[in-house]
Amino acid sequence: MLPRPPRIFEADDVLSGRVSLDSYPFSLIYLVIALSSFYADTNIHPSDLARVDVLLSAAELLESRGWEIVGVDAGGKLLCLRRRVG
């Protein structure tokens, strides 16, 4: 049996093209600033602001490819996205 694909993706990997979700088999994913932020505190610090911009830019790119934000968590460091149907 093949391993399941991950559901957590770093925003920078999406923006740089290292990760493409065009043929991703599932409809729900998490998009994070960095994997370490998935486990970090939920406060946004001034040093996070540039990384939040990267996160939102990656979300906008994915929205142009059929994904939509359905939830925000971890103080804005993590977004849940769902592939739009139809």
PDB file of N, CA and C in Angstrom:
ATOM      1  N   MET A   1       0.842  -1.171   0.000  1.00  0.00           N
ATOM      2  CA  MET A   1       0.000   0.000   0.000  1.00  0.00           C
ATOM      3  C   MET A   1       0.899   1.250   0.000  1.00  0.00           C
ATOM      4  N   LEU A   2       0.570   2.188  -0.834  1.00  0.00           N
ATOM      5  CA  LEU A   2       1.326   3.438  -0.902  1.00  0.00           C
ATOM      6  C   LEU A   2       0.990   4.320   0.290  1.00  0.00           C
ATOM      7  N   PRO A   3       1.971   5.102   0.774  1.00  0.00           N
ATOM      8  CA  PRO A   3       1.666   6.030   1.872  1.00  0.00           C
ATOM      9  C   PRO A   3       0.717   7.127   1.414  1.00  0.00           C
ATOM     10  N   ARG A   4      -0.076   7.623   2.348  1.00  0.00           N
ATOM     11  CA  ARG A   4      -1.003   8.718   2.030  1.00  0.00           C
ATOM     12  C   ARG A   4      -0.216   9.992   1.796  1.00  0.00           C
ATOM     13  N   PRO A   5      -0.648  10.825   0.871  1.00  0.00           N
ATOM     14  CA  PRO A   5       0.028  12.113   0.672  1.00  0.00           C
ATOM     15  C   PRO A   5      -0.159  13.006   1.892  1.00  0.00           C
ATOM     16  N   PRO A   6       0.752  13.942   2.105  1.00  0.00           N
ATOM     17  CA  PRO A   6       0.614  14.849   3.251  1.00  0.00           C
ATOM     18  C   PRO A   6      -0.587  15.776   3.071  1.00  0.00           C
ATOM     19  N   ARG A   7      -1.038  16.338   4.169  1.00  0.00           N
ATOM     20  CA  ARG A   7      -2.129  17.313   4.121  1.00  0.00           C
ATOM     21  C   ARG A   7      -1.664  18.681   4.588  1.00  0.00           C
ATOM     22  N   ILE A   8      -0.420  18.779   5.024  1.00  0.00           N
ATOM     23  CA  ILE A   8       0.126  20.042   5.513  1.00  0.00           C
ATOM     24  C   ILE A   8       1.225  20.492   4.563  1.00  0.00           C
ATOM     25  N   PHE A   9       1.100  21.731   4.063  1.00  0.00           N
ATOM     26  CA  PHE A   9       2.058  22.256   3.093  1.00  0.00           C
ATOM     27  C   PHE A   9       2.548  23.622   3.533  1.00  0.00           C
ATOM     28  N   GLU A  10       3.829  23.874   3.338  1.00  0.00           N
ATOM     29  CA  GLU A  10       4.400  25.176   3.651  1.00  0.00           C
ATOM     30  C   GLU A  10       4.123  26.151   2.512  1.00  0.00           C
ATOM     31  N   ALA A  11       3.761  27.364   2.874  1.00  0.00           N
ATOM     32  CA  ALA A  11       3.404  28.388   1.897  1.00  0.00           C
ATOM     33  C   ALA A  11       4.540  28.652   0.912  1.00  0.00           C
ATOM     34  N   ASP A  12       5.765  28.724   1.401  1.00  0.00           N
ATOM     35  CA  ASP A  12       6.902  29.005   0.528  1.00  0.00           C
ATOM     36  C   ASP A  12       7.083  27.911  -0.525  1.00  0.00           C
ATOM     37  N   ASP A  13       6.792  26.661  -0.162  1.00  0.00           N
ATOM     38  CA  ASP A  13       6.900  25.563  -1.129  1.00  0.00           C
ATOM     39  C   ASP A  13       5.871  25.706  -2.249  1.00  0.00           C
ATOM     40  N   VAL A  14       4.682  26.198  -1.907  1.00  0.00           N
ATOM     41  CA  VAL A  14       3.639  26.418  -2.917  1.00  0.00           C
ATOM     42  C   VAL A  14       4.044  27.565  -3.836  1.00  0.00           C
ATOM     43  N   LEU A  15       4.488  28.677  -3.244  1.00  0.00           N
ATOM     44  CA  LEU A  15       4.859  29.848  -4.050  1.00  0.00           C
ATOM     45  C   LEU A  15       6.058  29.586  -4.950  1.00  0.00           C
ATOM     46  N   SER A  16       7.007  28.797  -4.472  1.00  0.00           N
ATOM     47  CA  SER A  16       8.223  28.538  -5.251  1.00  0.00           C
ATOM     48  C   SER A  16       8.013  27.484  -6.330  1.00  0.00           C
ATOM     49  N   GLY A  17       6.895  26.766  -6.274  1.00  0.00           N
ATOM     50  CA  GLY A  17       6.640  25.711  -7.250  1.00  0.00           C
ATOM     51  C   GLY A  17       7.180  24.352  -6.835  1.00  0.00           C
ATOM     52  N   ARG A  18       7.782  24.253  -5.636  1.00  0.00           N
ATOM     53  CA  ARG A  18       8.269  22.946  -5.162  1.00  0.00           C
ATOM     54  C   ARG A  18       7.112  21.998  -4.883  1.00  0.00           C
ATOM     55  N   VAL A  19       5.937  22.567  -4.619  1.00  0.00           N
ATOM     56  CA  VAL A  19       4.734  21.780  -4.382  1.00  0.00           C
ATOM     57  C   VAL A  19       3.662  22.262  -5.342  1.00  0.00           C
ATOM     58  N   SER A  20       3.054  21.332  -6.057  1.00  0.00           N
ATOM     59  CA  SER A  20       1.915  21.651  -6.912  1.00  0.00           C
ATOM     60  C   SER A  20       0.729  20.824  -6.432  1.00  0.00           C
ATOM     61  N   LEU A  21      -0.385  21.479  -6.221  1.00  0.00           N
ATOM     62  CA  LEU A  21      -1.577  20.786  -5.742  1.00  0.00           C
ATOM     63  C   LEU A  21      -2.626  20.616  -6.837  1.00  0.00           C
ATOM     64  N   ASP A  22      -2.224  20.809  -8.089  1.00  0.00           N
ATOM     65  CA  ASP A  22      -3.165  20.707  -9.208  1.00  0.00           C
ATOM     66  C   ASP A  22      -3.784  19.315  -9.312  1.00  0.00           C
ATOM     67  N   SER A  23      -3.044  18.269  -9.019  1.00  0.00           N
ATOM     68  CA  SER A  23      -3.588  16.907  -9.115  1.00  0.00           C
ATOM     69  C   SER A  23      -3.652  16.239  -7.746  1.00  0.00           C
ATOM     70  N   TYR A  24      -3.720  17.025  -6.695  1.00  0.00           N
ATOM     71  CA  TYR A  24      -3.780  16.495  -5.336  1.00  0.00           C
ATOM     72  C   TYR A  24      -5.064  15.688  -5.172  1.00  0.00           C
ATOM     73  N   PRO A  25      -4.987  14.490  -4.572  1.00  0.00           N
ATOM     74  CA  PRO A  25      -6.160  13.596  -4.556  1.00  0.00           C
ATOM     75  C   PRO A  25      -7.227  13.919  -3.510  1.00  0.00           C
ATOM     76  N   PHE A  26      -6.923  14.734  -2.512  1.00  0.00           N
ATOM     77  CA  PHE A  26      -7.894  15.030  -1.465  1.00  0.00           C
ATOM     78  C   PHE A  26      -8.410  16.454  -1.606  1.00  0.00           C
ATOM     79  N   SER A  27      -9.492  16.754  -0.905  1.00  0.00           N
ATOM     80  CA  SER A  27     -10.100  18.076  -1.061  1.00  0.00           C
ATOM     81  C   SER A  27      -9.809  19.043   0.077  1.00  0.00           C
ATOM     82  N   LEU A  28      -9.156  18.604   1.147  1.00  0.00           N
ATOM     83  CA  LEU A  28      -8.851  19.482   2.274  1.00  0.00           C
ATOM     84  C   LEU A  28      -7.358  19.449   2.585  1.00  0.00           C
ATOM     85  N   ILE A  29      -6.785  20.635   2.817  1.00  0.00           N
ATOM     86  CA  ILE A  29      -5.370  20.736   3.175  1.00  0.00           C
ATOM     87  C   ILE A  29      -5.183  21.830   4.214  1.00  0.00           C
ATOM     88  N   TYR A  30      -4.043  21.789   4.873  1.00  0.00           N
ATOM     89  CA  TYR A  30      -3.574  22.892   5.696  1.00  0.00           C
ATOM     90  C   TYR A  30      -2.430  23.566   4.968  1.00  0.00           C
ATOM     91  N   LEU A  31      -2.428  24.884   4.993  1.00  0.00           N
ATOM     92  CA  LEU A  31      -1.338  25.687   4.465  1.00  0.00           C
ATOM     93  C   LEU A  31      -0.767  26.454   5.646  1.00  0.00           C
ATOM     94  N   VAL A  32       0.541  26.312   5.884  1.00  0.00           N
ATOM     95  CA  VAL A  32       1.165  26.909   7.061  1.00  0.00           C
ATOM     96  C   VAL A  32       2.320  27.814   6.654  1.00  0.00           C
ATOM     97  N   ILE A  33       2.654  28.740   7.548  1.00  0.00           N
ATOM     98  CA  ILE A  33       3.826  29.590   7.337  1.00  0.00           C
ATOM     99  C   ILE A  33       5.056  28.695   7.234  1.00  0.00           C
ATOM    100  N   ALA A  34       5.199  27.802   8.203  1.00  0.00           N
ATOM    101  CA  ALA A  34       6.285  26.822   8.243  1.00  0.00           C
ATOM    102  C   ALA A  34       5.787  25.662   9.093  1.00  0.00           C
ATOM    103  N   LEU A  35       6.314  24.481   8.854  1.00  0.00           N
ATOM    104  CA  LEU A  35       5.868  23.343   9.644  1.00  0.00           C
ATOM    105  C   LEU A  35       6.080  23.589  11.132  1.00  0.00           C
ATOM    106  N   SER A  36       7.143  24.283  11.487  1.00  0.00           N
ATOM    107  CA  SER A  36       7.388  24.579  12.901  1.00  0.00           C
ATOM    108  C   SER A  36       6.274  25.447  13.480  1.00  0.00           C
ATOM    109  N   SER A  37       5.652  26.289  12.663  1.00  0.00           N
ATOM    110  CA  SER A  37       4.580  27.145  13.166  1.00  0.00           C
ATOM    111  C   SER A  37       3.315  26.353  13.449  1.00  0.00           C
ATOM    112  N   PHE A  38       3.196  25.185  12.853  1.00  0.00           N
ATOM    113  CA  PHE A  38       2.032  24.328  13.098  1.00  0.00           C
ATOM    114  C   PHE A  38       1.980  23.925  14.568  1.00  0.00           C
ATOM    115  N   TYR A  39       3.153  23.823  15.189  1.00  0.00           N
ATOM    116  CA  TYR A  39       3.239  23.404  16.582  1.00  0.00           C
ATOM    117  C   TYR A  39       3.570  24.560  17.529  1.00  0.00           C
ATOM    118  N   ALA A  40       3.788  25.736  16.989  1.00  0.00           N
ATOM    119  CA  ALA A  40       4.226  26.877  17.803  1.00  0.00           C
ATOM    120  C   ALA A  40       3.036  27.567  18.466  1.00  0.00           C
ATOM    121  N   ASP A  41       3.346  28.600  19.237  1.00  0.00           N
ATOM    122  CA  ASP A  41       2.276  29.357  19.875  1.00  0.00           C
ATOM    123  C   ASP A  41       1.423  30.049  18.819  1.00  0.00           C
ATOM    124  N   THR A  42       0.284  30.528  19.245  1.00  0.00           N
ATOM    125  CA  THR A  42      -0.674  31.088  18.294  1.00  0.00           C
ATOM    126  C   THR A  42      -0.589  32.596  18.165  1.00  0.00           C
ATOM    127  N   ASN A  43       0.430  33.212  18.737  1.00  0.00           N
ATOM    128  CA  ASN A  43       0.576  34.660  18.628  1.00  0.00           C
ATOM    129  C   ASN A  43       1.358  35.033  17.380  1.00  0.00           C
ATOM    130  N   ILE A  44       0.942  36.114  16.741  1.00  0.00           N
ATOM    131  CA  ILE A  44       1.709  36.636  15.615  1.00  0.00           C
ATOM    132  C   ILE A  44       2.658  37.686  16.177  1.00  0.00           C
ATOM    133  N   HIS A  45       3.918  37.492  15.951  1.00  0.00           N
ATOM    134  CA  HIS A  45       4.946  38.411  16.423  1.00  0.00           C
ATOM    135  C   HIS A  45       5.362  39.308  15.256  1.00  0.00           C
ATOM    136  N   PRO A  46       5.913  40.478  15.518  1.00  0.00           N
ATOM    137  CA  PRO A  46       6.345  41.359  14.428  1.00  0.00           C
ATOM    138  C   PRO A  46       7.265  40.658  13.424  1.00  0.00           C
ATOM    139  N   SER A  47       8.068  39.730  13.906  1.00  0.00           N
ATOM    140  CA  SER A  47       8.971  39.010  12.988  1.00  0.00           C
ATOM    141  C   SER A  47       8.218  38.060  12.064  1.00  0.00           C
ATOM    142  N   ASP A  48       6.950  37.765  12.365  1.00  0.00           N
ATOM    143  CA  ASP A  48       6.143  36.863  11.536  1.00  0.00           C
ATOM    144  C   ASP A  48       5.466  37.564  10.363  1.00  0.00           C
ATOM    145  N   LEU A  49       5.429  38.895  10.365  1.00  0.00           N
ATOM    146  CA  LEU A  49       4.601  39.610   9.390  1.00  0.00           C
ATOM    147  C   LEU A  49       4.994  39.325   7.947  1.00  0.00           C
ATOM    148  N   ALA A  50       6.259  39.259   7.648  1.00  0.00           N
ATOM    149  CA  ALA A  50       6.674  38.942   6.271  1.00  0.00           C
ATOM    150  C   ALA A  50       6.260  37.523   5.907  1.00  0.00           C
ATOM    151  N   ARG A  51       6.319  36.608   6.861  1.00  0.00           N
ATOM    152  CA  ARG A  51       5.924  35.224   6.587  1.00  0.00           C
ATOM    153  C   ARG A  51       4.415  35.096   6.447  1.00  0.00           C
ATOM    154  N   VAL A  52       3.660  35.922   7.165  1.00  0.00           N
ATOM    155  CA  VAL A  52       2.207  35.937   6.994  1.00  0.00           C
ATOM    156  C   VAL A  52       1.866  36.388   5.578  1.00  0.00           C
ATOM    157  N   ASP A  53       2.613  37.362   5.051  1.00  0.00           N
ATOM    158  CA  ASP A  53       2.406  37.805   3.675  1.00  0.00           C
ATOM    159  C   ASP A  53       2.647  36.657   2.703  1.00  0.00           C
ATOM    160  N   VAL A  54       3.668  35.856   2.942  1.00  0.00           N
ATOM    161  CA  VAL A  54       3.943  34.686   2.096  1.00  0.00           C
ATOM    162  C   VAL A  54       2.779  33.699   2.183  1.00  0.00           C
ATOM    163  N   LEU A  55       2.270  33.479   3.393  1.00  0.00           N
ATOM    164  CA  LEU A  55       1.138  32.571   3.582  1.00  0.00           C
ATOM    165  C   LEU A  55      -0.079  33.041   2.796  1.00  0.00           C
ATOM    166  N   LEU A  56      -0.402  34.320   2.925  1.00  0.00           N
ATOM    167  CA  LEU A  56      -1.576  34.846   2.217  1.00  0.00           C
ATOM    168  C   LEU A  56      -1.362  34.851   0.704  1.00  0.00           C
ATOM    169  N   SER A  57      -0.145  35.116   0.257  1.00  0.00           N
ATOM    170  CA  SER A  57       0.152  35.077  -1.178  1.00  0.00           C
ATOM    171  C   SER A  57      -0.015  33.666  -1.726  1.00  0.00           C
ATOM    172  N   ALA A  58       0.438  32.674  -0.970  1.00  0.00           N
ATOM    173  CA  ALA A  58       0.260  31.283  -1.404  1.00  0.00           C
ATOM    174  C   ALA A  58      -1.218  30.912  -1.442  1.00  0.00           C
ATOM    175  N   ALA A  59      -1.988  31.388  -0.463  1.00  0.00           N
ATOM    176  CA  ALA A  59      -3.429  31.126  -0.460  1.00  0.00           C
ATOM    177  C   ALA A  59      -4.104  31.767  -1.672  1.00  0.00           C
ATOM    178  N   GLU A  60      -3.697  32.989  -2.017  1.00  0.00           N
ATOM    179  CA  GLU A  60      -4.263  33.649  -3.198  1.00  0.00           C
ATOM    180  C   GLU A  60      -3.922  32.877  -4.471  1.00  0.00           C
ATOM    181  N   LEU A  61      -2.697  32.367  -4.562  1.00  0.00           N
ATOM    182  CA  LEU A  61      -2.308  31.554  -5.716  1.00  0.00           C
ATOM    183  C   LEU A  61      -3.184  30.306  -5.788  1.00  0.00           C
ATOM    184  N   LEU A  62      -3.375  29.636  -4.666  1.00  0.00           N
ATOM    185  CA  LEU A  62      -4.206  28.432  -4.668  1.00  0.00           C
ATOM    186  C   LEU A  62      -5.664  28.751  -4.971  1.00  0.00           C
ATOM    187  N   GLU A  63      -6.155  29.905  -4.508  1.00  0.00           N
ATOM    188  CA  GLU A  63      -7.530  30.284  -4.844  1.00  0.00           C
ATOM    189  C   GLU A  63      -7.708  30.463  -6.344  1.00  0.00           C
ATOM    190  N   SER A  64      -6.678  30.922  -7.022  1.00  0.00           N
ATOM    191  CA  SER A  64      -6.766  31.056  -8.479  1.00  0.00           C
ATOM    192  C   SER A  64      -6.722  29.692  -9.169  1.00  0.00           C
ATOM    193  N   ARG A  65      -6.406  28.646  -8.427  1.00  0.00           N
ATOM    194  CA  ARG A  65      -6.325  27.284  -8.971  1.00  0.00           C
ATOM    195  C   ARG A  65      -7.402  26.373  -8.406  1.00  0.00           C
ATOM    196  N   GLY A  66      -8.475  26.970  -7.887  1.00  0.00           N
ATOM    197  CA  GLY A  66      -9.618  26.160  -7.494  1.00  0.00           C
ATOM    198  C   GLY A  66      -9.726  25.805  -6.021  1.00  0.00           C
ATOM    199  N   TRP A  67      -8.928  26.411  -5.176  1.00  0.00           N
ATOM    200  CA  TRP A  67      -9.010  26.166  -3.741  1.00  0.00           C
ATOM    201  C   TRP A  67      -9.637  27.382  -3.069  1.00  0.00           C
ATOM    202  N   GLU A  68     -10.241  27.182  -1.884  1.00  0.00           N
ATOM    203  CA  GLU A  68     -10.791  28.301  -1.129  1.00  0.00           C
ATOM    204  C   GLU A  68     -10.464  28.130   0.351  1.00  0.00           C
ATOM    205  N   ILE A  69     -10.249  29.247   1.019  1.00  0.00           N
ATOM    206  CA  ILE A  69      -9.977  29.220   2.454  1.00  0.00           C
ATOM    207  C   ILE A  69     -11.290  28.943   3.175  1.00  0.00           C
ATOM    208  N   VAL A  70     -11.263  27.960   4.073  1.00  0.00           N
ATOM    209  CA  VAL A  70     -12.459  27.643   4.856  1.00  0.00           C
ATOM    210  C   VAL A  70     -12.229  27.818   6.353  1.00  0.00           C
ATOM    211  N   GLY A  71     -10.988  28.076   6.744  1.00  0.00           N
ATOM    212  CA  GLY A  71     -10.712  28.276   8.160  1.00  0.00           C
ATOM    213  C   GLY A  71      -9.335  28.860   8.391  1.00  0.00           C
ATOM    214  N   VAL A  72      -9.220  29.586   9.494  1.00  0.00           N
ATOM    215  CA  VAL A  72      -7.953  30.176   9.908  1.00  0.00           C
ATOM    216  C   VAL A  72      -7.726  29.726  11.344  1.00  0.00           C
ATOM    217  N   ASP A  73      -6.509  29.311  11.642  1.00  0.00           N
ATOM    218  CA  ASP A  73      -6.211  28.820  12.975  1.00  0.00           C
ATOM    219  C   ASP A  73      -4.814  29.261  13.379  1.00  0.00           C
ATOM    220  N   ALA A  74      -4.424  28.920  14.587  1.00  0.00           N
ATOM    221  CA  ALA A  74      -3.089  29.215  15.119  1.00  0.00           C
ATOM    222  C   ALA A  74      -2.753  30.692  15.000  1.00  0.00           C
ATOM    223  N   GLY A  75      -3.734  31.529  15.290  1.00  0.00           N
ATOM    224  CA  GLY A  75      -3.483  32.964  15.263  1.00  0.00           C
ATOM    225  C   GLY A  75      -3.158  33.499  13.891  1.00  0.00           C
ATOM    226  N   GLY A  76      -3.649  32.843  12.844  1.00  0.00           N
ATOM    227  CA  GLY A  76      -3.397  33.297  11.479  1.00  0.00           C
ATOM    228  C   GLY A  76      -2.162  32.694  10.847  1.00  0.00           C
ATOM    229  N   LYS A  77      -1.548  31.731  11.486  1.00  0.00           N
ATOM    230  CA  LYS A  77      -0.351  31.083  10.939  1.00  0.00           C
ATOM    231  C   LYS A  77      -0.682  29.820  10.156  1.00  0.00           C
ATOM    232  N   LEU A  78      -1.947  29.440  10.143  1.00  0.00           N
ATOM    233  CA  LEU A  78      -2.372  28.200   9.508  1.00  0.00           C
ATOM    234  C   LEU A  78      -3.722  28.446   8.845  1.00  0.00           C
ATOM    235  N   LEU A  79      -3.849  28.031   7.603  1.00  0.00           N
ATOM    236  CA  LEU A  79      -5.104  28.157   6.868  1.00  0.00           C
ATOM    237  C   LEU A  79      -5.567  26.779   6.442  1.00  0.00           C
ATOM    238  N   CYS A  80      -6.857  26.529   6.549  1.00  0.00           N
ATOM    239  CA  CYS A  80      -7.433  25.305   6.011  1.00  0.00           C
ATOM    240  C   CYS A  80      -8.073  25.677   4.681  1.00  0.00           C
ATOM    241  N   LEU A  81      -7.755  24.926   3.638  1.00  0.00           N
ATOM    242  CA  LEU A  81      -8.319  25.181   2.314  1.00  0.00           C
ATOM    243  C   LEU A  81      -9.043  23.952   1.812  1.00  0.00           C
ATOM    244  N   ARG A  82     -10.089  24.186   1.016  1.00  0.00           N
ATOM    245  CA  ARG A  82     -10.846  23.106   0.392  1.00  0.00           C
ATOM    246  C   ARG A  82     -10.894  23.355  -1.114  1.00  0.00           C
ATOM    247  N   ARG A  83     -10.740  22.276  -1.861  1.00  0.00           N
ATOM    248  CA  ARG A  83     -10.851  22.384  -3.326  1.00  0.00           C
ATOM    249  C   ARG A  83     -12.321  22.645  -3.661  1.00  0.00           C
ATOM    250  N   ARG A  84     -12.549  23.684  -4.462  1.00  0.00           N
ATOM    251  CA  ARG A  84     -13.912  23.995  -4.901  1.00  0.00           C
ATOM    252  C   ARG A  84     -14.387  22.910  -5.862  1.00  0.00           C
ATOM    253  N   VAL A  85     -15.646  22.595  -5.756  1.00  0.00           N
ATOM    254  CA  VAL A  85     -16.244  21.590  -6.634  1.00  0.00           C
ATOM    255  C   VAL A  85     -17.058  22.319  -7.685  1.00  0.00           C
ATOM    256  N   GLY A  86     -16.864  21.902  -8.923  1.00  0.00           N
ATOM    257  CA  GLY A  86     -17.671  22.454 -10.005  1.00  0.00           C
ATOM    258  C   GLY A  86     -17.169  23.645 -10.654  1.00  0.00           C
TER     259      GLY A  86
END
